[in-house]
PDB file of N, CA and C in Angstrom:
ATOM      1  N   MET A   1     -22.018 -33.421   3.609  1.00  0.00           N
ATOM      2  CA  MET A   1     -22.069 -32.116   4.229  1.00  0.00           C
ATOM      3  C   MET A   1     -20.667 -31.619   4.583  1.00  0.00           C
ATOM      4  N   LEU A   2     -19.857 -32.492   5.201  1.00  0.00           N
ATOM      5  CA  LEU A   2     -18.498 -32.123   5.561  1.00  0.00           C
ATOM      6  C   LEU A   2     -17.674 -31.836   4.312  1.00  0.00           C
ATOM      7  N   ARG A   3     -17.857 -32.653   3.289  1.00  0.00           N
ATOM      8  CA  ARG A   3     -17.123 -32.470   2.043  1.00  0.00           C
ATOM      9  C   ARG A   3     -17.442 -31.093   1.437  1.00  0.00           C
ATOM     10  N   ARG A   4     -18.699 -30.692   1.474  1.00  0.00           N
ATOM     11  CA  ARG A   4     -19.120 -29.400   0.928  1.00  0.00           C
ATOM     12  C   ARG A   4     -18.495 -28.254   1.727  1.00  0.00           C
ATOM     13  N   THR A   5     -18.435 -28.387   3.057  1.00  0.00           N
ATOM     14  CA  THR A   5     -17.841 -27.362   3.913  1.00  0.00           C
ATOM     15  C   THR A   5     -16.350 -27.226   3.637  1.00  0.00           C
ATOM     16  N   VAL A   6     -15.659 -28.350   3.510  1.00  0.00           N
ATOM     17  CA  VAL A   6     -14.225 -28.326   3.206  1.00  0.00           C
ATOM     18  C   VAL A   6     -13.994 -27.684   1.841  1.00  0.00           C
ATOM     19  N   TYR A   7     -14.786 -28.045   0.855  1.00  0.00           N
ATOM     20  CA  TYR A   7     -14.659 -27.469  -0.485  1.00  0.00           C
ATOM     21  C   TYR A   7     -14.854 -25.952  -0.437  1.00  0.00           C
ATOM     22  N   ALA A   8     -15.861 -25.483   0.274  1.00  0.00           N
ATOM     23  CA  ALA A   8     -16.120 -24.048   0.390  1.00  0.00           C
ATOM     24  C   ALA A   8     -14.947 -23.336   1.060  1.00  0.00           C
ATOM     25  N   ALA A   9     -14.360 -23.963   2.077  1.00  0.00           N
ATOM     26  CA  ALA A   9     -13.216 -23.365   2.764  1.00  0.00           C
ATOM     27  C   ALA A   9     -12.008 -23.273   1.843  1.00  0.00           C
ATOM     28  N   VAL A  10     -11.769 -24.299   1.038  1.00  0.00           N
ATOM     29  CA  VAL A  10     -10.645 -24.289   0.094  1.00  0.00           C
ATOM     30  C   VAL A  10     -10.847 -23.199  -0.955  1.00  0.00           C
ATOM     31  N   VAL A  11     -12.046 -23.087  -1.488  1.00  0.00           N
ATOM     32  CA  VAL A  11     -12.339 -22.049  -2.484  1.00  0.00           C
ATOM     33  C   VAL A  11     -12.152 -20.666  -1.875  1.00  0.00           C
ATOM     34  N   ALA A  12     -12.655 -20.447  -0.668  1.00  0.00           N
ATOM     35  CA  ALA A  12     -12.522 -19.154   0.001  1.00  0.00           C
ATOM     36  C   ALA A  12     -11.054 -18.812   0.247  1.00  0.00           C
ATOM     37  N   ALA A  13     -10.267 -19.781   0.688  1.00  0.00           N
ATOM     38  CA  ALA A  13      -8.841 -19.549   0.928  1.00  0.00           C
ATOM     39  C   ALA A  13      -8.112 -19.223  -0.367  1.00  0.00           C
ATOM     40  N   THR A  14      -8.463 -19.908  -1.445  1.00  0.00           N
ATOM     41  CA  THR A  14      -7.844 -19.643  -2.743  1.00  0.00           C
ATOM     42  C   THR A  14      -8.158 -18.232  -3.210  1.00  0.00           C
ATOM     43  N   LEU A  15      -9.404 -17.819  -3.084  1.00  0.00           N
ATOM     44  CA  LEU A  15      -9.792 -16.465  -3.485  1.00  0.00           C
ATOM     45  C   LEU A  15      -9.105 -15.414  -2.627  1.00  0.00           C
ATOM     46  N   LEU A  16      -8.980 -15.667  -1.339  1.00  0.00           N
ATOM     47  CA  LEU A  16      -8.305 -14.741  -0.448  1.00  0.00           C
ATOM     48  C   LEU A  16      -6.839 -14.600  -0.823  1.00  0.00           C
ATOM     49  N   CYS A  17      -6.175 -15.701  -1.095  1.00  0.00           N
ATOM     50  CA  CYS A  17      -4.766 -15.659  -1.499  1.00  0.00           C
ATOM     51  C   CYS A  17      -4.598 -14.896  -2.804  1.00  0.00           C
ATOM     52  N   ALA A  18      -5.494 -15.089  -3.740  1.00  0.00           N
ATOM     53  CA  ALA A  18      -5.421 -14.366  -5.014  1.00  0.00           C
ATOM     54  C   ALA A  18      -5.586 -12.872  -4.790  1.00  0.00           C
ATOM     55  N   ALA A  19      -6.501 -12.485  -3.920  1.00  0.00           N
ATOM     56  CA  ALA A  19      -6.716 -11.065  -3.637  1.00  0.00           C
ATOM     57  C   ALA A  19      -5.501 -10.457  -2.954  1.00  0.00           C
ATOM     58  N   LEU A  20      -4.906 -11.195  -2.023  1.00  0.00           N
ATOM     59  CA  LEU A  20      -3.739 -10.688  -1.316  1.00  0.00           C
ATOM     60  C   LEU A  20      -2.522 -10.608  -2.216  1.00  0.00           C
ATOM     61  N   ALA A  21      -2.476 -11.406  -3.265  1.00  0.00           N
ATOM     62  CA  ALA A  21      -1.321 -11.440  -4.148  1.00  0.00           C
ATOM     63  C   ALA A  21      -1.383 -10.379  -5.241  1.00  0.00           C
ATOM     64  N   THR A  22      -2.443  -9.573  -5.301  1.00  0.00           N
ATOM     65  CA  THR A  22      -2.588  -8.561  -6.332  1.00  0.00           C
ATOM     66  C   THR A  22      -1.452  -7.555  -6.248  1.00  0.00           C
ATOM     67  N   ASP A  23      -0.759  -7.360  -7.356  1.00  0.00           N
ATOM     68  CA  ASP A  23       0.320  -6.379  -7.448  1.00  0.00           C
ATOM     69  C   ASP A  23      -0.051  -5.395  -8.545  1.00  0.00           C
ATOM     70  N   ILE A  24      -0.220  -4.124  -8.188  1.00  0.00           N
ATOM     71  CA  ILE A  24      -0.648  -3.125  -9.171  1.00  0.00           C
ATOM     72  C   ILE A  24       0.519  -2.340  -9.757  1.00  0.00           C
ATOM     73  N   SER A  25       1.744  -2.787  -9.511  1.00  0.00           N
ATOM     74  CA  SER A  25       2.914  -2.089 -10.045  1.00  0.00           C
ATOM     75  C   SER A  25       2.805  -1.921 -11.551  1.00  0.00           C
ATOM     76  N   GLY A  26       3.231  -0.744 -12.029  1.00  0.00           N
ATOM     77  CA  GLY A  26       3.231  -0.482 -13.463  1.00  0.00           C
ATOM     78  C   GLY A  26       2.559   0.831 -13.806  1.00  0.00           C
ATOM     79  N   ALA A  27       2.379   1.053 -15.107  1.00  0.00           N
ATOM     80  CA  ALA A  27       1.791   2.290 -15.625  1.00  0.00           C
ATOM     81  C   ALA A  27       0.271   2.183 -15.685  1.00  0.00           C
ATOM     82  N   TRP A  28      -0.411   3.233 -15.240  1.00  0.00           N
ATOM     83  CA  TRP A  28      -1.874   3.291 -15.212  1.00  0.00           C
ATOM     84  C   TRP A  28      -2.356   4.586 -15.845  1.00  0.00           C
ATOM     85  N   GLU A  29      -3.514   4.511 -16.502  1.00  0.00           N
ATOM     86  CA  GLU A  29      -4.205   5.687 -17.032  1.00  0.00           C
ATOM     87  C   GLU A  29      -5.507   5.848 -16.260  1.00  0.00           C
ATOM     88  N   PHE A  30      -5.787   7.058 -15.802  1.00  0.00           N
ATOM     89  CA  PHE A  30      -7.000   7.341 -15.043  1.00  0.00           C
ATOM     90  C   PHE A  30      -7.893   8.305 -15.816  1.00  0.00           C
ATOM     91  N   THR A  31      -9.174   8.256 -15.511  1.00  0.00           N
ATOM     92  CA  THR A  31     -10.138   9.265 -15.940  1.00  0.00           C
ATOM     93  C   THR A  31     -10.766   9.814 -14.671  1.00  0.00           C
ATOM     94  N   VAL A  32     -10.696  11.137 -14.499  1.00  0.00           N
ATOM     95  CA  VAL A  32     -11.214  11.787 -13.302  1.00  0.00           C
ATOM     96  C   VAL A  32     -12.336  12.742 -13.701  1.00  0.00           C
ATOM     97  N   GLU A  33     -13.433  12.693 -12.953  1.00  0.00           N
ATOM     98  CA  GLU A  33     -14.576  13.586 -13.188  1.00  0.00           C
ATOM     99  C   GLU A  33     -14.867  14.356 -11.902  1.00  0.00           C
ATOM    100  N   THR A  34     -14.939  15.691 -12.007  1.00  0.00           N
ATOM    101  CA  THR A  34     -15.368  16.538 -10.895  1.00  0.00           C
ATOM    102  C   THR A  34     -16.495  17.433 -11.395  1.00  0.00           C
ATOM    103  N   ALA A  35     -17.110  18.174 -10.482  1.00  0.00           N
ATOM    104  CA  ALA A  35     -18.169  19.102 -10.884  1.00  0.00           C
ATOM    105  C   ALA A  35     -17.607  20.211 -11.769  1.00  0.00           C
ATOM    106  N   GLN A  36     -16.334  20.554 -11.590  1.00  0.00           N
ATOM    107  CA  GLN A  36     -15.720  21.642 -12.332  1.00  0.00           C
ATOM    108  C   GLN A  36     -15.117  21.212 -13.669  1.00  0.00           C
ATOM    109  N   SER A  37     -14.565  20.004 -13.735  1.00  0.00           N
ATOM    110  CA  SER A  37     -13.857  19.598 -14.954  1.00  0.00           C
ATOM    111  C   SER A  37     -13.600  18.093 -14.956  1.00  0.00           C
ATOM    112  N   SER A  38     -12.869  17.660 -15.965  1.00  0.00           N
ATOM    113  CA  SER A  38     -12.432  16.267 -16.039  1.00  0.00           C
ATOM    114  C   SER A  38     -10.957  16.257 -16.416  1.00  0.00           C
ATOM    115  N   GLY A  39     -10.313  15.125 -16.208  1.00  0.00           N
ATOM    116  CA  GLY A  39      -8.899  15.015 -16.528  1.00  0.00           C
ATOM    117  C   GLY A  39      -8.500  13.575 -16.754  1.00  0.00           C
ATOM    118  N   SER A  40      -7.284  13.413 -17.260  1.00  0.00           N
ATOM    119  CA  SER A  40      -6.757  12.077 -17.568  1.00  0.00           C
ATOM    120  C   SER A  40      -5.328  11.937 -17.061  1.00  0.00           C
ATOM    121  N   PRO A  41      -5.141  11.928 -15.743  1.00  0.00           N
ATOM    122  CA  PRO A  41      -3.785  11.768 -15.222  1.00  0.00           C
ATOM    123  C   PRO A  41      -3.258  10.354 -15.443  1.00  0.00           C
ATOM    124  N   SER A  42      -1.951  10.234 -15.363  1.00  0.00           N
ATOM    125  CA  SER A  42      -1.338   8.906 -15.412  1.00  0.00           C
ATOM    126  C   SER A  42      -0.510   8.711 -14.145  1.00  0.00           C
ATOM    127  N   PHE A  43      -0.341   7.456 -13.780  1.00  0.00           N
ATOM    128  CA  PHE A  43       0.412   7.097 -12.589  1.00  0.00           C
ATOM    129  C   PHE A  43       1.362   5.960 -12.928  1.00  0.00           C
ATOM    130  N   GLU A  44       2.509   5.991 -12.315  1.00  0.00           N
ATOM    131  CA  GLU A  44       3.450   4.875 -12.355  1.00  0.00           C
ATOM    132  C   GLU A  44       3.536   4.372 -10.921  1.00  0.00           C
ATOM    133  N   PHE A  45       2.988   3.180 -10.658  1.00  0.00           N
ATOM    134  CA  PHE A  45       2.948   2.627  -9.311  1.00  0.00           C
ATOM    135  C   PHE A  45       4.050   1.597  -9.116  1.00  0.00           C
ATOM    136  N   LYS A  46       4.570   1.551  -7.869  1.00  0.00           N
ATOM    137  CA  LYS A  46       5.480   0.487  -7.447  1.00  0.00           C
ATOM    138  C   LYS A  46       4.955  -0.020  -6.107  1.00  0.00           C
ATOM    139  N   GLN A  47       4.551  -1.281  -6.101  1.00  0.00           N
ATOM    140  CA  GLN A  47       3.998  -1.880  -4.891  1.00  0.00           C
ATOM    141  C   GLN A  47       5.011  -2.827  -4.277  1.00  0.00           C
ATOM    142  N   ASP A  48       5.189  -2.700  -2.960  1.00  0.00           N
ATOM    143  CA  ASP A  48       6.054  -3.592  -2.193  1.00  0.00           C
ATOM    144  C   ASP A  48       5.247  -4.042  -0.980  1.00  0.00           C
ATOM    145  N   GLY A  49       4.614  -5.218  -1.093  1.00  0.00           N
ATOM    146  CA  GLY A  49       3.689  -5.656  -0.047  1.00  0.00           C
ATOM    147  C   GLY A  49       2.481  -4.739  -0.045  1.00  0.00           C
ATOM    148  N   GLU A  50       2.196  -4.132   1.108  1.00  0.00           N
ATOM    149  CA  GLU A  50       1.081  -3.183   1.204  1.00  0.00           C
ATOM    150  C   GLU A  50       1.507  -1.754   0.897  1.00  0.00           C
ATOM    151  N   LYS A  51       2.809  -1.504   0.802  1.00  0.00           N
ATOM    152  CA  LYS A  51       3.323  -0.154   0.565  1.00  0.00           C
ATOM    153  C   LYS A  51       3.235   0.198  -0.918  1.00  0.00           C
ATOM    154  N   LEU A  52       2.730   1.402  -1.204  1.00  0.00           N
ATOM    155  CA  LEU A  52       2.590   1.872  -2.576  1.00  0.00           C
ATOM    156  C   LEU A  52       3.328   3.194  -2.735  1.00  0.00           C
ATOM    157  N   THR A  53       4.208   3.270  -3.728  1.00  0.00           N
ATOM    158  CA  THR A  53       4.901   4.505  -4.077  1.00  0.00           C
ATOM    159  C   THR A  53       4.775   4.691  -5.582  1.00  0.00           C
ATOM    160  N   GLY A  54       5.237   5.820  -6.062  1.00  0.00           N
ATOM    161  CA  GLY A  54       5.191   6.040  -7.500  1.00  0.00           C
ATOM    162  C   GLY A  54       5.175   7.503  -7.856  1.00  0.00           C
ATOM    163  N   THR A  55       4.680   7.796  -9.063  1.00  0.00           N
ATOM    164  CA  THR A  55       4.680   9.150  -9.601  1.00  0.00           C
ATOM    165  C   THR A  55       3.346   9.475 -10.253  1.00  0.00           C
ATOM    166  N   TYR A  56       2.832  10.665  -9.951  1.00  0.00           N
ATOM    167  CA  TYR A  56       1.652  11.234 -10.605  1.00  0.00           C
ATOM    168  C   TYR A  56       2.128  12.122 -11.741  1.00  0.00           C
ATOM    169  N   SER A  57       1.454  12.082 -12.889  1.00  0.00           N
ATOM    170  CA  SER A  57       1.692  13.007 -14.002  1.00  0.00           C
ATOM    171  C   SER A  57       0.334  13.452 -14.521  1.00  0.00           C
ATOM    172  N   GLY A  58       0.115  14.769 -14.532  1.00  0.00           N
ATOM    173  CA  GLY A  58      -1.175  15.268 -14.998  1.00  0.00           C
ATOM    174  C   GLY A  58      -1.202  16.777 -15.048  1.00  0.00           C
ATOM    175  N   MET A  59      -2.398  17.348 -14.976  1.00  0.00           N
ATOM    176  CA  MET A  59      -2.560  18.787 -15.130  1.00  0.00           C
ATOM    177  C   MET A  59      -1.893  19.596 -14.021  1.00  0.00           C
ATOM    178  N   PHE A  60      -1.551  18.970 -12.902  1.00  0.00           N
ATOM    179  CA  PHE A  60      -0.842  19.656 -11.826  1.00  0.00           C
ATOM    180  C   PHE A  60       0.672  19.476 -11.935  1.00  0.00           C
ATOM    181  N   GLY A  61       1.146  18.859 -12.999  1.00  0.00           N
ATOM    182  CA  GLY A  61       2.569  18.592 -13.160  1.00  0.00           C
ATOM    183  C   GLY A  61       2.897  17.163 -12.771  1.00  0.00           C
ATOM    184  N   LYS A  62       4.032  16.994 -12.095  1.00  0.00           N
ATOM    185  CA  LYS A  62       4.459  15.672 -11.622  1.00  0.00           C
ATOM    186  C   LYS A  62       4.667  15.740 -10.122  1.00  0.00           C
ATOM    187  N   ALA A  63       4.397  14.621  -9.451  1.00  0.00           N
ATOM    188  CA  ALA A  63       4.578  14.568  -8.002  1.00  0.00           C
ATOM    189  C   ALA A  63       4.751  13.125  -7.556  1.00  0.00           C
ATOM    190  N   PRO A  64       5.569  12.911  -6.511  1.00  0.00           N
ATOM    191  CA  PRO A  64       5.684  11.567  -5.944  1.00  0.00           C
ATOM    192  C   PRO A  64       4.429  11.225  -5.148  1.00  0.00           C
ATOM    193  N   ILE A  65       4.038   9.977  -5.193  1.00  0.00           N
ATOM    194  CA  ILE A  65       2.871   9.519  -4.437  1.00  0.00           C
ATOM    195  C   ILE A  65       3.308   8.524  -3.373  1.00  0.00           C
ATOM    196  N   SER A  66       2.481   8.391  -2.337  1.00  0.00           N
ATOM    197  CA  SER A  66       2.692   7.350  -1.327  1.00  0.00           C
ATOM    198  C   SER A  66       1.328   6.875  -0.860  1.00  0.00           C
ATOM    199  N   GLY A  67       1.256   5.590  -0.523  1.00  0.00           N
ATOM    200  CA  GLY A  67      -0.019   5.051  -0.091  1.00  0.00           C
ATOM    201  C   GLY A  67       0.066   3.589   0.269  1.00  0.00           C
ATOM    202  N   THR A  68      -1.109   2.930   0.238  1.00  0.00           N
ATOM    203  CA  THR A  68      -1.201   1.525   0.615  1.00  0.00           C
ATOM    204  C   THR A  68      -2.147   0.767  -0.309  1.00  0.00           C
ATOM    205  N   VAL A  69      -1.909  -0.535  -0.378  1.00  0.00           N
ATOM    206  CA  VAL A  69      -2.822  -1.477  -1.022  1.00  0.00           C
ATOM    207  C   VAL A  69      -3.096  -2.552   0.020  1.00  0.00           C
ATOM    208  N   LYS A  70      -4.353  -2.644   0.453  1.00  0.00           N
ATOM    209  CA  LYS A  70      -4.744  -3.637   1.463  1.00  0.00           C
ATOM    210  C   LYS A  70      -5.907  -4.433   0.899  1.00  0.00           C
ATOM    211  N   GLY A  71      -5.616  -5.666   0.468  1.00  0.00           N
ATOM    212  CA  GLY A  71      -6.645  -6.470  -0.193  1.00  0.00           C
ATOM    213  C   GLY A  71      -7.031  -5.808  -1.496  1.00  0.00           C
ATOM    214  N   ASP A  72      -8.308  -5.461  -1.644  1.00  0.00           N
ATOM    215  CA  ASP A  72      -8.741  -4.782  -2.866  1.00  0.00           C
ATOM    216  C   ASP A  72      -8.901  -3.272  -2.660  1.00  0.00           C
ATOM    217  N   GLN A  73      -8.429  -2.759  -1.515  1.00  0.00           N
ATOM    218  CA  GLN A  73      -8.541  -1.326  -1.217  1.00  0.00           C
ATOM    219  C   GLN A  73      -7.217  -0.614  -1.482  1.00  0.00           C
ATOM    220  N   VAL A  74      -7.296   0.488  -2.237  1.00  0.00           N
ATOM    221  CA  VAL A  74      -6.122   1.286  -2.589  1.00  0.00           C
ATOM    222  C   VAL A  74      -6.335   2.700  -2.071  1.00  0.00           C
ATOM    223  N   GLU A  75      -5.294   3.266  -1.475  1.00  0.00           N
ATOM    224  CA  GLU A  75      -5.344   4.658  -1.036  1.00  0.00           C
ATOM    225  C   GLU A  75      -3.964   5.260  -1.233  1.00  0.00           C
ATOM    226  N   PHE A  76      -3.915   6.444  -1.858  1.00  0.00           N
ATOM    227  CA  PHE A  76      -2.635   7.125  -2.021  1.00  0.00           C
ATOM    228  C   PHE A  76      -2.844   8.628  -2.075  1.00  0.00           C
ATOM    229  N   THR A  77      -1.774   9.360  -1.745  1.00  0.00           N
ATOM    230  CA  THR A  77      -1.822  10.819  -1.725  1.00  0.00           C
ATOM    231  C   THR A  77      -0.591  11.387  -2.405  1.00  0.00           C
ATOM    232  N   PHE A  78      -0.710  12.663  -2.783  1.00  0.00           N
ATOM    233  CA  PHE A  78       0.433  13.428  -3.260  1.00  0.00           C
ATOM    234  C   PHE A  78       0.140  14.902  -3.040  1.00  0.00           C
ATOM    235  N   GLU A  79       1.173  15.716  -3.078  1.00  0.00           N
ATOM    236  CA  GLU A  79       1.020  17.153  -2.888  1.00  0.00           C
ATOM    237  C   GLU A  79       1.453  17.888  -4.146  1.00  0.00           C
ATOM    238  N   VAL A  80       0.678  18.922  -4.499  1.00  0.00           N
ATOM    239  CA  VAL A  80       1.016  19.805  -5.616  1.00  0.00           C
ATOM    240  C   VAL A  80       0.794  21.242  -5.161  1.00  0.00           C
ATOM    241  N   SER A  81       1.493  22.181  -5.784  1.00  0.00           N
ATOM    242  CA  SER A  81       1.426  23.571  -5.338  1.00  0.00           C
ATOM    243  C   SER A  81       0.073  24.222  -5.607  1.00  0.00           C
ATOM    244  N   ASN A  82      -0.685  23.757  -6.586  1.00  0.00           N
ATOM    245  CA  ASN A  82      -1.958  24.386  -6.955  1.00  0.00           C
ATOM    246  C   ASN A  82      -3.103  24.015  -6.018  1.00  0.00           C
ATOM    247  N   VAL A  83      -2.927  23.042  -5.150  1.00  0.00           N
ATOM    248  CA  VAL A  83      -4.006  22.559  -4.286  1.00  0.00           C
ATOM    249  C   VAL A  83      -3.611  22.785  -2.834  1.00  0.00           C
ATOM    250  N   ASP A  84      -4.528  23.398  -2.067  1.00  0.00           N
ATOM    251  CA  ASP A  84      -4.290  23.607  -0.646  1.00  0.00           C
ATOM    252  C   ASP A  84      -4.588  22.302   0.086  1.00  0.00           C
ATOM    253  N   GLY A  85      -3.565  21.598   0.475  1.00  0.00           N
ATOM    254  CA  GLY A  85      -3.720  20.289   1.104  1.00  0.00           C
ATOM    255  C   GLY A  85      -3.311  19.190   0.140  1.00  0.00           C
ATOM    256  N   LYS A  86      -3.449  17.956   0.577  1.00  0.00           N
ATOM    257  CA  LYS A  86      -3.053  16.811  -0.239  1.00  0.00           C
ATOM    258  C   LYS A  86      -4.167  16.382  -1.175  1.00  0.00           C
ATOM    259  N   VAL A  87      -3.769  15.817  -2.297  1.00  0.00           N
ATOM    260  CA  VAL A  87      -4.704  15.153  -3.196  1.00  0.00           C
ATOM    261  C   VAL A  87      -4.764  13.702  -2.731  1.00  0.00           C
ATOM    262  N   ARG A  88      -5.980  13.199  -2.473  1.00  0.00           N
ATOM    263  CA  ARG A  88      -6.146  11.853  -1.916  1.00  0.00           C
ATOM    264  C   ARG A  88      -7.061  11.020  -2.811  1.00  0.00           C
ATOM    265  N   TYR A  89      -6.550   9.877  -3.237  1.00  0.00           N
ATOM    266  CA  TYR A  89      -7.333   8.903  -4.003  1.00  0.00           C
ATOM    267  C   TYR A  89      -7.644   7.720  -3.099  1.00  0.00           C
ATOM    268  N   LYS A  90      -8.914   7.280  -3.081  1.00  0.00           N
ATOM    269  CA  LYS A  90      -9.334   6.085  -2.341  1.00  0.00           C
ATOM    270  C   LYS A  90     -10.199   5.269  -3.282  1.00  0.00           C
ATOM    271  N   GLY A  91      -9.797   4.010  -3.507  1.00  0.00           N
ATOM    272  CA  GLY A  91     -10.551   3.214  -4.456  1.00  0.00           C
ATOM    273  C   GLY A  91     -10.541   1.733  -4.167  1.00  0.00           C
ATOM    274  N   THR A  92     -11.232   1.020  -5.048  1.00  0.00           N
ATOM    275  CA  THR A  92     -11.360  -0.426  -4.961  1.00  0.00           C
ATOM    276  C   THR A  92     -10.833  -1.051  -6.239  1.00  0.00           C
ATOM    277  N   LEU A  93      -9.988  -2.056  -6.089  1.00  0.00           N
ATOM    278  CA  LEU A  93      -9.448  -2.778  -7.238  1.00  0.00           C
ATOM    279  C   LEU A  93     -10.466  -3.750  -7.802  1.00  0.00           C
ATOM    280  N   ASP A  94     -10.422  -3.899  -9.110  1.00  0.00           N
ATOM    281  CA  ASP A  94     -11.172  -4.939  -9.812  1.00  0.00           C
ATOM    282  C   ASP A  94     -10.105  -5.792 -10.485  1.00  0.00           C
ATOM    283  N   GLY A  95      -9.574  -6.759  -9.748  1.00  0.00           N
ATOM    284  CA  GLY A  95      -8.423  -7.516 -10.230  1.00  0.00           C
ATOM    285  C   GLY A  95      -7.173  -6.660 -10.099  1.00  0.00           C
ATOM    286  N   ALA A  96      -6.173  -6.944 -10.922  1.00  0.00           N
ATOM    287  CA  ALA A  96      -4.920  -6.190 -10.868  1.00  0.00           C
ATOM    288  C   ALA A  96      -4.813  -5.169 -11.990  1.00  0.00           C
ATOM    289  N   THR A  97      -5.888  -4.988 -12.775  1.00  0.00           N
ATOM    290  CA  THR A  97      -5.784  -4.106 -13.936  1.00  0.00           C
ATOM    291  C   THR A  97      -6.810  -2.982 -13.983  1.00  0.00           C
ATOM    292  N   ARG A  98      -7.722  -2.913 -13.021  1.00  0.00           N
ATOM    293  CA  ARG A  98      -8.730  -1.843 -13.007  1.00  0.00           C
ATOM    294  C   ARG A  98      -9.017  -1.420 -11.567  1.00  0.00           C
ATOM    295  N   MET A  99      -9.385  -0.149 -11.410  1.00  0.00           N
ATOM    296  CA  MET A  99      -9.819   0.347 -10.113  1.00  0.00           C
ATOM    297  C   MET A  99     -10.761   1.522 -10.315  1.00  0.00           C
ATOM    298  N   LYS A 100     -11.535   1.820  -9.274  1.00  0.00           N
ATOM    299  CA  LYS A 100     -12.402   2.996  -9.304  1.00  0.00           C
ATOM    300  C   LYS A 100     -12.607   3.476  -7.888  1.00  0.00           C
ATOM    301  N   GLY A 101     -12.958   4.768  -7.760  1.00  0.00           N
ATOM    302  CA  GLY A 101     -13.170   5.307  -6.429  1.00  0.00           C
ATOM    303  C   GLY A 101     -13.382   6.797  -6.433  1.00  0.00           C
ATOM    304  N   GLU A 102     -12.978   7.434  -5.322  1.00  0.00           N
ATOM    305  CA  GLU A 102     -13.170   8.861  -5.125  1.00  0.00           C
ATOM    306  C   GLU A 102     -11.832   9.555  -4.957  1.00  0.00           C
ATOM    307  N   VAL A 103     -11.792  10.824  -5.378  1.00  0.00           N
ATOM    308  CA  VAL A 103     -10.598  11.645  -5.235  1.00  0.00           C
ATOM    309  C   VAL A 103     -10.990  12.945  -4.542  1.00  0.00           C
ATOM    310  N   GLU A 104     -10.130  13.406  -3.629  1.00  0.00           N
ATOM    311  CA  GLU A 104     -10.326  14.675  -2.929  1.00  0.00           C
ATOM    312  C   GLU A 104      -9.134  15.570  -3.234  1.00  0.00           C
ATOM    313  N   TYR A 105      -9.415  16.807  -3.627  1.00  0.00           N
ATOM    314  CA  TYR A 105      -8.370  17.786  -3.922  1.00  0.00           C
ATOM    315  C   TYR A 105      -8.256  18.765  -2.763  1.00  0.00           C
ATOM    316  N   GLY A 106      -7.724  18.301  -1.639  1.00  0.00           N
ATOM    317  CA  GLY A 106      -7.598  19.155  -0.463  1.00  0.00           C
ATOM    318  C   GLY A 106      -8.925  19.804  -0.131  1.00  0.00           C
ATOM    319  N   ASP A 107      -8.911  21.137   0.038  1.00  0.00           N
ATOM    320  CA  ASP A 107     -10.136  21.885   0.321  1.00  0.00           C
ATOM    321  C   ASP A 107     -10.820  22.360  -0.951  1.00  0.00           C
ATOM    322  N   VAL A 108     -10.298  22.000  -2.115  1.00  0.00           N
ATOM    323  CA  VAL A 108     -10.797  22.513  -3.393  1.00  0.00           C
ATOM    324  C   VAL A 108     -12.053  21.797  -3.872  1.00  0.00           C
ATOM    325  N   GLY A 109     -12.099  20.484  -3.796  1.00  0.00           N
ATOM    326  CA  GLY A 109     -13.264  19.754  -4.283  1.00  0.00           C
ATOM    327  C   GLY A 109     -13.049  18.257  -4.287  1.00  0.00           C
ATOM    328  N   LYS A 110     -14.078  17.561  -4.774  1.00  0.00           N
ATOM    329  CA  LYS A 110     -14.066  16.102  -4.821  1.00  0.00           C
ATOM    330  C   LYS A 110     -14.512  15.630  -6.190  1.00  0.00           C
ATOM    331  N   GLY A 111     -14.226  14.366  -6.468  1.00  0.00           N
ATOM    332  CA  GLY A 111     -14.667  13.776  -7.721  1.00  0.00           C
ATOM    333  C   GLY A 111     -14.582  12.264  -7.660  1.00  0.00           C
ATOM    334  N   THR A 112     -14.745  11.657  -8.815  1.00  0.00           N
ATOM    335  CA  THR A 112     -14.643  10.206  -8.937  1.00  0.00           C
ATOM    336  C   THR A 112     -13.587   9.874  -9.977  1.00  0.00           C
ATOM    337  N   PHE A 113     -13.082   8.651  -9.909  1.00  0.00           N
ATOM    338  CA  PHE A 113     -12.086   8.226 -10.889  1.00  0.00           C
ATOM    339  C   PHE A 113     -12.282   6.773 -11.266  1.00  0.00           C
ATOM    340  N   THR A 114     -11.804   6.446 -12.451  1.00  0.00           N
ATOM    341  CA  THR A 114     -11.622   5.063 -12.881  1.00  0.00           C
ATOM    342  C   THR A 114     -10.194   4.960 -13.384  1.00  0.00           C
ATOM    343  N   GLY A 115      -9.580   3.808 -13.198  1.00  0.00           N
ATOM    344  CA  GLY A 115      -8.213   3.601 -13.635  1.00  0.00           C
ATOM    345  C   GLY A 115      -8.057   2.270 -14.331  1.00  0.00           C
ATOM    346  N   LYS A 116      -7.157   2.260 -15.308  1.00  0.00           N
ATOM    347  CA  LYS A 116      -6.884   1.041 -16.070  1.00  0.00           C
ATOM    348  C   LYS A 116      -5.376   0.914 -16.257  1.00  0.00           C
ATOM    349  N   LYS A 117      -4.869  -0.280 -15.988  1.00  0.00           N
ATOM    350  CA  LYS A 117      -3.441  -0.537 -16.169  1.00  0.00           C
ATOM    351  C   LYS A 117      -3.132  -0.607 -17.653  1.00  0.00           C
ATOM    352  N   LYS A 118      -2.024   0.027 -18.054  1.00  0.00           N
ATOM    353  CA  LYS A 118      -1.621   0.018 -19.474  1.00  0.00           C
ATOM    354  C   LYS A 118      -1.101  -1.338 -19.878  1.00  0.00           C
TER     355      LYS A 118
END
């Protein structure tokens, strides 16, 4: 019984360390779906611990992004002139190469996204 408990604790700690070590830095391609349209923006992410910076490139032009990566949760924002307010992405990582979640375009609308690392 004790051996099984210790084994479970070691496995849990290993999985936790792997999740905390996820680095999403690099080029990503996204697919975004809203009620009005769809799009395929790209992002260049740079992760430093929990801090996330980078660049958005898509139908709104280019913009710097800022956000966080906490475990498997990703959140980042950027501002563009065509949207009243910030564009906000909130998602969940599936390893270090995929993510999915929701996007809000200020007061304009909402949608969903999937992302894949290039």
